[in-house]
Amino acid sequence: MCITLQLLQKLVDSADLVGEALVPYYRQILPILNLFKNKNNNSGDKIDYAQRKKACLGELIMETLQLFEAKGGDDAFINIKYMVPTYESCINM
């Protein structure tokens, strides 16, 4: 799943209108992300060396949602908020 999220991030970054083109598909993508968004590694005081590999699913999902919001156009936040109710906007209004 981490590889899929990284590919989605690269896809959205690849061109200008790709993020807006994905907005109609949020209803298929976002419910799965909502299930796994709280899967964070709690390492306590330990150092997490895997963070350079982007292996933490919760952080990767939040980065992907923020990228979807930033590149998805005007309706992206509304659609993300509808499917992931606990999501908070990353864009300053």
N, C-alpha and C. Protein backbone atom coordinates (compact mmCIF):
# COMPACT_ATOMS: atom_id res chain seq x y z
N MET A 1 0.82 -1.19 0.00
CA MET A 1 0.00 0.00 0.00
C MET A 1 0.87 1.26 0.00
N CYS A 2 2.03 1.19 0.64
CA CYS A 2 2.93 2.35 0.66
C CYS A 2 3.41 2.69 -0.74
N ILE A 3 3.70 1.67 -1.53
CA ILE A 3 4.16 1.91 -2.90
C ILE A 3 3.05 2.55 -3.73
N THR A 4 1.82 2.10 -3.53
CA THR A 4 0.69 2.68 -4.26
C THR A 4 0.51 4.14 -3.91
N LEU A 5 0.65 4.49 -2.63
CA LEU A 5 0.51 5.89 -2.22
C LEU A 5 1.64 6.75 -2.79
N GLN A 6 2.85 6.20 -2.82
CA GLN A 6 3.97 6.94 -3.40
C GLN A 6 3.75 7.16 -4.90
N LEU A 7 3.19 6.15 -5.58
CA LEU A 7 2.89 6.31 -7.00
C LEU A 7 1.79 7.34 -7.23
N LEU A 8 0.78 7.36 -6.38
CA LEU A 8 -0.27 8.38 -6.48
C LEU A 8 0.31 9.78 -6.30
N GLN A 9 1.24 9.93 -5.36
CA GLN A 9 1.87 11.23 -5.14
C GLN A 9 2.67 11.66 -6.37
N LYS A 10 3.42 10.73 -6.96
CA LYS A 10 4.19 11.06 -8.16
C LYS A 10 3.27 11.37 -9.34
N LEU A 11 2.15 10.66 -9.43
CA LEU A 11 1.19 10.92 -10.50
C LEU A 11 0.60 12.31 -10.39
N VAL A 12 0.22 12.72 -9.19
CA VAL A 12 -0.36 14.05 -8.98
C VAL A 12 0.68 15.13 -9.25
N ASP A 13 1.93 14.88 -8.91
CA ASP A 13 2.99 15.86 -9.15
C ASP A 13 3.47 15.92 -10.60
N SER A 14 3.11 14.91 -11.39
CA SER A 14 3.68 14.80 -12.73
C SER A 14 3.22 15.90 -13.69
N ALA A 15 1.99 16.37 -13.56
CA ALA A 15 1.48 17.41 -14.46
C ALA A 15 0.50 18.29 -13.70
N ASP A 16 0.14 19.40 -14.31
CA ASP A 16 -0.68 20.40 -13.62
C ASP A 16 -2.11 19.94 -13.36
N LEU A 17 -2.77 19.34 -14.31
CA LEU A 17 -4.20 19.06 -14.18
C LEU A 17 -4.50 17.63 -13.74
N VAL A 18 -3.48 16.86 -13.39
CA VAL A 18 -3.72 15.47 -12.96
C VAL A 18 -4.47 15.44 -11.64
N GLY A 19 -4.12 16.33 -10.73
CA GLY A 19 -4.81 16.38 -9.44
C GLY A 19 -6.29 16.66 -9.59
N GLU A 20 -6.64 17.58 -10.47
CA GLU A 20 -8.04 17.89 -10.71
C GLU A 20 -8.76 16.74 -11.42
N ALA A 21 -8.04 16.00 -12.25
CA ALA A 21 -8.65 14.88 -12.96
C ALA A 21 -8.96 13.71 -12.02
N LEU A 22 -8.26 13.64 -10.88
CA LEU A 22 -8.50 12.56 -9.92
C LEU A 22 -9.67 12.83 -8.98
N VAL A 23 -10.15 14.06 -8.92
CA VAL A 23 -11.22 14.41 -7.97
C VAL A 23 -12.47 13.53 -8.14
N PRO A 24 -12.92 13.22 -9.35
CA PRO A 24 -14.10 12.34 -9.46
C PRO A 24 -13.87 10.92 -8.90
N TYR A 25 -12.62 10.52 -8.75
CA TYR A 25 -12.32 9.18 -8.26
C TYR A 25 -12.06 9.15 -6.75
N TYR A 26 -12.23 10.28 -6.08
CA TYR A 26 -12.00 10.32 -4.62
C TYR A 26 -12.95 9.37 -3.89
N ARG A 27 -14.13 9.16 -4.39
CA ARG A 27 -15.09 8.27 -3.71
C ARG A 27 -14.62 6.82 -3.70
N GLN A 28 -13.74 6.45 -4.62
CA GLN A 28 -13.18 5.11 -4.62
C GLN A 28 -11.87 5.03 -3.83
N ILE A 29 -11.09 6.11 -3.85
CA ILE A 29 -9.75 6.10 -3.22
C ILE A 29 -9.82 6.40 -1.73
N LEU A 30 -10.57 7.41 -1.35
CA LEU A 30 -10.51 7.94 0.01
C LEU A 30 -11.07 7.04 1.11
N PRO A 31 -12.10 6.22 0.90
CA PRO A 31 -12.56 5.37 2.01
C PRO A 31 -11.49 4.42 2.53
N ILE A 32 -10.65 3.91 1.64
CA ILE A 32 -9.56 3.03 2.07
C ILE A 32 -8.53 3.82 2.87
N LEU A 33 -8.23 5.03 2.41
CA LEU A 33 -7.26 5.86 3.15
C LEU A 33 -7.80 6.22 4.53
N ASN A 34 -9.12 6.41 4.62
CA ASN A 34 -9.73 6.73 5.91
C ASN A 34 -9.57 5.59 6.91
N LEU A 35 -9.60 4.36 6.42
CA LEU A 35 -9.43 3.20 7.32
C LEU A 35 -8.04 3.12 7.93
N PHE A 36 -7.03 3.48 7.14
CA PHE A 36 -5.65 3.27 7.56
C PHE A 36 -4.91 4.54 7.99
N LYS A 37 -5.59 5.69 8.04
CA LYS A 37 -4.87 6.94 8.32
C LYS A 37 -4.31 7.02 9.73
N ASN A 38 -4.79 6.22 10.65
CA ASN A 38 -4.28 6.24 12.03
C ASN A 38 -3.24 5.17 12.30
N LYS A 39 -2.73 4.52 11.27
CA LYS A 39 -1.71 3.49 11.41
C LYS A 39 -0.33 4.13 11.50
N ASN A 40 -0.02 4.73 12.60
CA ASN A 40 1.28 5.36 12.83
C ASN A 40 2.13 4.47 13.72
N ASN A 41 3.43 4.53 13.48
CA ASN A 41 4.36 3.79 14.32
C ASN A 41 4.66 4.61 15.56
N ASN A 42 4.33 4.07 16.73
CA ASN A 42 4.65 4.75 17.97
C ASN A 42 5.91 4.12 18.53
N SER A 43 7.04 4.77 18.28
CA SER A 43 8.31 4.21 18.71
C SER A 43 8.78 4.77 20.05
N GLY A 44 8.00 5.65 20.64
CA GLY A 44 8.38 6.23 21.92
C GLY A 44 9.61 7.11 21.78
N ASP A 45 10.63 6.82 22.56
CA ASP A 45 11.87 7.60 22.52
C ASP A 45 12.87 7.09 21.50
N LYS A 46 12.56 6.01 20.83
CA LYS A 46 13.49 5.43 19.88
C LYS A 46 13.55 6.26 18.60
N ILE A 47 14.63 6.11 17.88
CA ILE A 47 14.79 6.78 16.60
C ILE A 47 14.22 5.88 15.51
N ASP A 48 13.42 6.46 14.64
CA ASP A 48 12.80 5.70 13.56
C ASP A 48 13.62 5.89 12.29
N TYR A 49 14.47 4.92 11.98
CA TYR A 49 15.32 5.01 10.80
C TYR A 49 14.57 4.71 9.52
N ALA A 50 13.39 4.14 9.61
CA ALA A 50 12.61 3.81 8.42
C ALA A 50 11.88 5.02 7.85
N GLN A 51 11.97 6.17 8.49
CA GLN A 51 11.24 7.32 8.00
C GLN A 51 11.82 7.81 6.67
N ARG A 52 13.07 7.53 6.39
CA ARG A 52 13.63 7.92 5.10
C ARG A 52 13.07 7.08 3.97
N LYS A 53 12.56 5.89 4.30
CA LYS A 53 11.95 5.01 3.31
C LYS A 53 10.46 5.30 3.12
N LYS A 54 9.93 6.20 3.93
CA LYS A 54 8.50 6.53 3.92
C LYS A 54 7.66 5.26 4.10
N ALA A 55 7.93 4.53 5.17
CA ALA A 55 7.25 3.27 5.42
C ALA A 55 6.10 3.40 6.41
N CYS A 56 5.94 4.56 7.04
CA CYS A 56 4.85 4.75 8.00
C CYS A 56 3.57 5.09 7.23
N LEU A 57 2.62 4.20 7.30
CA LEU A 57 1.40 4.31 6.49
C LEU A 57 0.58 5.55 6.85
N GLY A 58 0.45 5.86 8.13
CA GLY A 58 -0.35 7.02 8.54
C GLY A 58 0.22 8.33 8.02
N GLU A 59 1.53 8.50 8.11
CA GLU A 59 2.15 9.74 7.62
C GLU A 59 2.07 9.83 6.11
N LEU A 60 2.23 8.70 5.44
CA LEU A 60 2.15 8.68 3.99
C LEU A 60 0.74 9.04 3.50
N ILE A 61 -0.27 8.56 4.21
CA ILE A 61 -1.65 8.89 3.85
C ILE A 61 -1.91 10.38 4.05
N MET A 62 -1.43 10.95 5.15
CA MET A 62 -1.63 12.38 5.37
C MET A 62 -0.92 13.22 4.31
N GLU A 63 0.30 12.83 3.92
CA GLU A 63 1.00 13.55 2.85
C GLU A 63 0.22 13.47 1.54
N THR A 64 -0.34 12.30 1.25
CA THR A 64 -1.10 12.12 0.02
C THR A 64 -2.37 12.97 0.04
N LEU A 65 -3.07 13.00 1.18
CA LEU A 65 -4.29 13.82 1.27
C LEU A 65 -3.96 15.30 1.12
N GLN A 66 -2.86 15.73 1.70
CA GLN A 66 -2.47 17.14 1.57
C GLN A 66 -2.12 17.48 0.13
N LEU A 67 -1.47 16.55 -0.55
CA LEU A 67 -1.15 16.77 -1.96
C LEU A 67 -2.41 16.78 -2.82
N PHE A 68 -3.35 15.88 -2.51
CA PHE A 68 -4.63 15.89 -3.22
C PHE A 68 -5.34 17.22 -3.04
N GLU A 69 -5.31 17.76 -1.83
CA GLU A 69 -5.98 19.04 -1.58
C GLU A 69 -5.28 20.18 -2.30
N ALA A 70 -3.96 20.18 -2.26
CA ALA A 70 -3.21 21.27 -2.87
C ALA A 70 -3.34 21.28 -4.39
N LYS A 71 -3.36 20.12 -5.01
CA LYS A 71 -3.36 20.05 -6.47
C LYS A 71 -4.73 19.73 -7.06
N GLY A 72 -5.74 19.51 -6.21
CA GLY A 72 -7.04 19.05 -6.69
C GLY A 72 -8.02 20.12 -7.09
N GLY A 73 -7.68 21.35 -6.95
CA GLY A 73 -8.60 22.42 -7.35
C GLY A 73 -9.54 22.83 -6.22
N ASP A 74 -10.61 23.51 -6.61
CA ASP A 74 -11.53 24.12 -5.65
C ASP A 74 -12.35 23.10 -4.87
N ASP A 75 -12.77 22.03 -5.50
CA ASP A 75 -13.67 21.07 -4.87
C ASP A 75 -12.94 19.97 -4.11
N ALA A 76 -11.63 19.96 -4.14
CA ALA A 76 -10.88 18.86 -3.55
C ALA A 76 -11.10 18.78 -2.04
N PHE A 77 -11.00 19.91 -1.33
CA PHE A 77 -11.14 19.87 0.12
C PHE A 77 -12.52 19.40 0.54
N ILE A 78 -13.54 19.85 -0.15
CA ILE A 78 -14.91 19.45 0.20
C ILE A 78 -15.08 17.94 0.05
N ASN A 79 -14.57 17.39 -1.03
CA ASN A 79 -14.67 15.95 -1.26
C ASN A 79 -13.85 15.15 -0.27
N ILE A 80 -12.65 15.64 0.06
CA ILE A 80 -11.80 14.95 1.04
C ILE A 80 -12.47 14.98 2.41
N LYS A 81 -12.99 16.12 2.79
CA LYS A 81 -13.63 16.27 4.10
C LYS A 81 -14.88 15.39 4.21
N TYR A 82 -15.59 15.20 3.12
CA TYR A 82 -16.79 14.35 3.11
C TYR A 82 -16.41 12.89 3.34
N MET A 83 -15.32 12.44 2.72
CA MET A 83 -14.93 11.04 2.82
C MET A 83 -14.03 10.75 4.01
N VAL A 84 -13.26 11.75 4.47
CA VAL A 84 -12.38 11.61 5.64
C VAL A 84 -12.75 12.73 6.61
N PRO A 85 -13.73 12.50 7.49
CA PRO A 85 -14.27 13.59 8.32
C PRO A 85 -13.26 14.23 9.27
N THR A 86 -12.22 13.54 9.66
CA THR A 86 -11.27 14.11 10.61
C THR A 86 -10.13 14.85 9.93
N TYR A 87 -10.16 14.96 8.61
CA TYR A 87 -9.10 15.65 7.88
C TYR A 87 -9.21 17.16 8.10
N GLU A 88 -8.07 17.79 8.32
CA GLU A 88 -8.02 19.25 8.47
C GLU A 88 -7.22 19.83 7.33
N SER A 89 -7.64 20.98 6.84
CA SER A 89 -7.03 21.59 5.68
C SER A 89 -5.57 21.97 5.95
N CYS A 90 -4.75 21.82 4.93
CA CYS A 90 -3.35 22.22 5.04
C CYS A 90 -3.08 23.54 4.34
N ILE A 91 -4.09 24.08 3.67
CA ILE A 91 -3.95 25.32 2.93
C ILE A 91 -4.49 26.47 3.76
N ASN A 92 -3.68 27.51 3.93
CA ASN A 92 -4.13 28.70 4.69
C ASN A 92 -5.11 29.49 3.85
N MET A 93 -6.19 29.86 4.47
CA MET A 93 -7.22 30.60 3.71
C MET A 93 -7.07 32.07 3.89
